[in-house]
Amino acid sequence: MFVLSDTDPFPAAELADEDGLLAIGANLSVERLLDAYEQGIFPWYNEGEPIQWYCPDPRFVLFPQHLNISKSMKTVLGNGSFQFTINRAFPAVIENCKTIFRKDQPGTWIHPEMIAAYTALHERGYVLSAESWQQGKLVGGLYGVLLGHVFFGESMFSKVSNASKFAFIKFVQYLEKKNVQLIDCQIYTPHLGSLGAGLMDREDFLDVLKVGI
């Protein structure tokens, strides 16, 4: 593990430990975050801790053309129970991702420092949010970083059944039309696995980034 000053470059991602931890330190400036994502690195740490930078192996990813839509979700997509928007409510999306209860997770890595950093990226056009609405209320959504032809998903939330799946499916379909080639889901979750995401060797993932960003 490497300790970085504000000006130190990131070490090679392949030098991360078995948990994917590569380095600590530096800052969350727009320039630093963009440099990190271009190399497949992302920050993940609790409030009050030093900034920790990760690049896990294997990587959990989704190719848009491999999106799996179940029969039940096809019904949801077609029955008008949700409405979909992009970038209509980013502050509310990231706040809900911060506060939503997650089973087996005592806390959240989305704290004021992270919110400020991703808000700055959003204001520069690098972070997008996708939202699910029901009867005029925000009930689900997600946000992440878009660089070139790669989208790096950060977090999602759902207040009612299928709301986050609806937002994710509609957003993946939107990204595919924009010629996005890969969606980075970072680490395995059964939720995203059911939607078609799978594991990819870090070396292969980094090769995709070299041509996709």
Protein backbone atom coordinates (compact mmCIF):
# COMPACT_ATOMS: atom_id res chain seq x y z
CA MET A 1 0.00 0.00 0.00
CA PHE A 2 1.25 3.47 -0.94
CA VAL A 3 0.88 6.75 0.96
CA LEU A 4 0.25 9.66 -1.40
CA SER A 5 0.77 13.38 -1.04
CA ASP A 6 -1.50 15.75 -2.97
CA THR A 7 0.93 15.76 -5.88
CA ASP A 8 2.09 12.12 -5.98
CA PRO A 9 0.90 10.12 -9.00
CA PHE A 10 -1.03 6.92 -8.43
CA PRO A 11 1.04 3.73 -8.46
CA ALA A 12 0.18 1.06 -11.00
CA ALA A 13 -3.22 -0.44 -10.23
CA GLU A 14 -1.75 -3.94 -10.39
CA LEU A 15 0.10 -3.19 -7.13
CA ALA A 16 -3.12 -3.17 -5.08
CA ASP A 17 -3.34 -5.70 -2.25
CA GLU A 18 -5.65 -8.73 -2.27
CA ASP A 19 -8.58 -6.57 -1.10
CA GLY A 20 -7.99 -4.09 -3.89
CA LEU A 21 -6.52 -1.37 -1.66
CA LEU A 22 -3.86 0.50 -3.61
CA ALA A 23 -3.06 3.71 -1.72
CA ILE A 24 -4.13 6.17 0.97
CA GLY A 25 -3.92 9.93 1.12
CA ALA A 26 -4.03 12.68 -1.55
CA ASN A 27 -7.32 14.55 -1.99
CA LEU A 28 -10.70 14.44 -3.73
CA SER A 29 -10.19 17.30 -6.17
CA VAL A 30 -11.89 17.05 -9.55
CA GLU A 31 -8.52 16.55 -11.23
CA ARG A 32 -7.45 13.80 -8.81
CA LEU A 33 -10.75 11.95 -9.16
CA LEU A 34 -10.70 12.08 -12.95
CA ASP A 35 -7.11 10.81 -12.95
CA ALA A 36 -8.15 7.97 -10.64
CA TYR A 37 -11.13 6.83 -12.69
CA GLU A 38 -9.14 6.92 -15.91
CA GLN A 39 -6.86 4.33 -14.29
CA GLY A 40 -9.67 2.21 -12.86
CA ILE A 41 -9.15 3.51 -9.31
CA PHE A 42 -11.88 4.82 -7.01
CA PRO A 43 -12.06 6.21 -3.43
CA TRP A 44 -13.84 4.20 -0.74
CA TYR A 45 -13.48 5.02 2.94
CA ASN A 46 -15.41 5.95 6.07
CA GLU A 47 -15.77 9.45 7.45
CA GLY A 48 -12.79 10.43 9.61
CA GLU A 49 -10.41 7.99 7.91
CA PRO A 50 -7.65 8.85 5.42
CA ILE A 51 -8.80 8.67 1.80
CA GLN A 52 -8.41 5.09 0.56
CA TRP A 53 -8.05 4.25 -3.13
CA TYR A 54 -9.11 0.88 -4.54
CA CYS A 55 -8.73 -1.14 -7.71
CA PRO A 56 -10.11 -4.64 -6.98
CA ASP A 57 -9.38 -7.81 -8.90
CA PRO A 58 -11.57 -9.19 -10.34
CA ARG A 59 -13.81 -6.29 -11.31
CA PHE A 60 -17.60 -6.54 -11.45
CA VAL A 61 -18.85 -5.09 -14.74
CA LEU A 62 -21.78 -5.04 -17.12
CA PHE A 63 -21.59 -4.87 -20.89
CA PRO A 64 -24.78 -3.01 -21.90
CA GLN A 65 -25.64 -5.61 -24.53
CA HIS A 66 -25.65 -8.26 -21.79
CA LEU A 67 -28.31 -6.48 -19.71
CA ASN A 68 -30.73 -9.10 -18.39
CA ILE A 69 -34.36 -7.99 -18.07
CA SER A 70 -36.61 -10.52 -16.34
CA LYS A 71 -40.20 -11.08 -17.40
CA SER A 72 -41.43 -9.33 -14.27
CA MET A 73 -39.26 -6.29 -14.97
CA LYS A 74 -40.45 -6.16 -18.58
CA THR A 75 -43.94 -5.84 -17.14
CA VAL A 76 -42.80 -3.06 -14.80
CA LEU A 77 -41.09 -1.24 -17.67
CA GLY A 78 -44.26 -1.32 -19.72
CA ASN A 79 -47.01 -0.64 -17.21
CA GLY A 80 -46.21 2.99 -16.44
CA SER A 81 -45.75 2.46 -12.70
CA PHE A 82 -42.51 4.49 -12.71
CA GLN A 83 -41.22 7.50 -14.61
CA PHE A 84 -37.55 7.89 -15.54
CA THR A 85 -35.34 10.99 -15.64
CA ILE A 86 -31.64 11.82 -15.89
CA ASN A 87 -29.95 14.57 -13.86
CA ARG A 88 -33.25 15.91 -12.56
CA ALA A 89 -32.47 15.37 -8.87
CA PHE A 90 -28.77 14.62 -8.33
CA PRO A 91 -28.58 16.16 -4.80
CA ALA A 92 -31.57 14.10 -3.67
CA VAL A 93 -30.19 10.92 -5.25
CA ILE A 94 -26.82 11.11 -3.54
CA GLU A 95 -28.46 12.06 -0.23
CA ASN A 96 -30.79 9.06 -0.45
CA CYS A 97 -27.84 6.81 -1.31
CA LYS A 98 -26.20 8.14 1.85
CA THR A 99 -29.13 7.60 4.20
CA ILE A 100 -30.93 4.52 2.86
CA PHE A 101 -30.79 1.46 5.12
CA ARG A 102 -28.63 -1.34 3.74
CA LYS A 103 -28.82 -4.80 5.24
CA ASP A 104 -25.57 -5.97 6.89
CA GLN A 105 -23.99 -2.52 6.53
CA PRO A 106 -23.70 -0.52 9.78
CA GLY A 107 -22.89 2.75 8.03
CA THR A 108 -22.12 4.41 4.72
CA TRP A 109 -19.05 5.58 2.84
CA ILE A 110 -21.06 8.50 1.42
CA HIS A 111 -20.23 11.32 3.82
CA PRO A 112 -19.99 15.12 3.42
CA GLU A 113 -16.49 15.04 1.92
CA MET A 114 -17.55 12.52 -0.71
CA ILE A 115 -20.80 14.36 -1.44
CA ALA A 116 -18.89 17.60 -2.01
CA ALA A 117 -16.42 15.85 -4.32
CA TYR A 118 -19.04 14.16 -6.50
CA THR A 119 -21.18 17.29 -6.56
CA ALA A 120 -18.17 19.15 -7.99
CA LEU A 121 -17.82 16.43 -10.64
CA HIS A 122 -21.55 16.64 -11.36
CA GLU A 123 -21.31 20.40 -11.84
CA ARG A 124 -18.52 19.80 -14.36
CA GLY A 125 -20.68 17.29 -16.25
CA TYR A 126 -18.78 14.13 -15.29
CA VAL A 127 -21.30 12.67 -12.82
CA LEU A 128 -24.80 11.68 -13.90
CA SER A 129 -27.80 10.67 -11.84
CA ALA A 130 -30.73 8.55 -12.96
CA GLU A 131 -34.06 8.71 -11.16
CA SER A 132 -37.24 6.67 -10.72
CA TRP A 133 -40.40 8.59 -9.83
CA GLN A 134 -43.79 7.39 -8.64
CA GLN A 135 -46.71 9.77 -8.32
CA GLY A 136 -44.30 12.68 -8.39
CA LYS A 137 -42.06 11.33 -5.62
CA LEU A 138 -38.44 10.21 -5.99
CA VAL A 139 -38.44 6.51 -5.10
CA GLY A 140 -35.19 5.19 -6.57
CA GLY A 141 -32.06 6.12 -8.41
CA LEU A 142 -28.32 5.88 -8.91
CA TYR A 143 -25.31 8.02 -9.76
CA GLY A 144 -21.85 7.55 -11.19
CA VAL A 145 -19.04 8.91 -13.32
CA LEU A 146 -19.15 8.97 -17.12
CA LEU A 147 -15.80 9.18 -18.94
CA GLY A 148 -15.69 8.55 -22.66
CA HIS A 149 -17.40 5.24 -23.37
CA VAL A 150 -17.25 3.93 -19.79
CA PHE A 151 -19.69 4.57 -16.93
CA PHE A 152 -18.46 3.99 -13.37
CA GLY A 153 -21.41 3.28 -11.11
CA GLU A 154 -21.09 4.53 -7.55
CA SER A 155 -24.28 3.88 -5.59
CA MET A 156 -28.01 3.30 -5.92
CA PHE A 157 -31.07 3.35 -3.67
CA SER A 158 -34.65 2.16 -3.70
CA LYS A 159 -37.58 3.16 -1.50
CA VAL A 160 -40.13 0.86 -3.15
CA SER A 161 -39.80 -2.52 -4.80
CA ASN A 162 -38.20 -2.47 -8.28
CA ALA A 163 -37.50 1.29 -8.25
CA SER A 164 -33.71 0.99 -8.45
CA LYS A 165 -33.94 -1.83 -11.00
CA PHE A 166 -36.20 0.33 -13.15
CA ALA A 167 -33.77 3.26 -13.00
CA PHE A 168 -30.79 1.01 -13.70
CA ILE A 169 -32.37 -0.74 -16.69
CA LYS A 170 -33.58 2.50 -18.26
CA PHE A 171 -30.20 4.12 -17.67
CA VAL A 172 -28.27 1.22 -19.18
CA GLN A 173 -30.50 1.42 -22.25
CA TYR A 174 -29.80 5.15 -22.43
CA LEU A 175 -26.04 4.60 -22.10
CA GLU A 176 -26.05 1.92 -24.80
CA LYS A 177 -27.64 4.41 -27.22
CA LYS A 178 -24.81 6.80 -26.30
CA ASN A 179 -22.28 4.10 -27.31
CA VAL A 180 -21.12 3.40 -23.76
CA GLN A 181 -19.20 0.13 -23.97
CA LEU A 182 -18.82 -0.87 -20.33
CA ILE A 183 -20.45 -0.18 -16.97
CA ASP A 184 -18.21 -0.60 -13.95
CA CYS A 185 -20.12 -1.98 -10.95
CA GLN A 186 -16.90 -2.23 -8.87
CA ILE A 187 -17.61 -5.23 -6.63
CA TYR A 188 -20.07 -8.13 -6.76
CA THR A 189 -23.66 -7.75 -5.61
CA PRO A 190 -26.44 -10.28 -6.25
CA HIS A 191 -28.75 -7.41 -7.26
CA LEU A 192 -26.56 -6.38 -10.19
CA GLY A 193 -25.61 -9.96 -10.95
CA SER A 194 -29.28 -10.68 -11.63
CA LEU A 195 -29.25 -7.84 -14.16
CA GLY A 196 -26.40 -9.32 -16.17
CA ALA A 197 -23.21 -8.04 -14.54
CA GLY A 198 -20.27 -10.42 -14.19
CA LEU A 199 -16.67 -10.66 -13.06
CA MET A 200 -13.77 -9.50 -15.23
CA ASP A 201 -10.02 -9.79 -14.65
CA ARG A 202 -8.54 -6.47 -13.62
CA GLU A 203 -5.97 -6.62 -16.42
CA ASP A 204 -8.73 -6.98 -19.01
CA PHE A 205 -10.74 -4.22 -17.36
CA LEU A 206 -7.78 -1.83 -17.49
CA ASP A 207 -7.22 -2.70 -21.15
CA VAL A 208 -10.84 -1.67 -21.87
CA LEU A 209 -10.26 1.65 -20.14
CA LYS A 210 -7.23 2.38 -22.32
CA VAL A 211 -9.39 2.39 -25.44
CA GLY A 212 -12.76 3.36 -23.91
CA ILE A 213 -11.79 6.66 -22.26
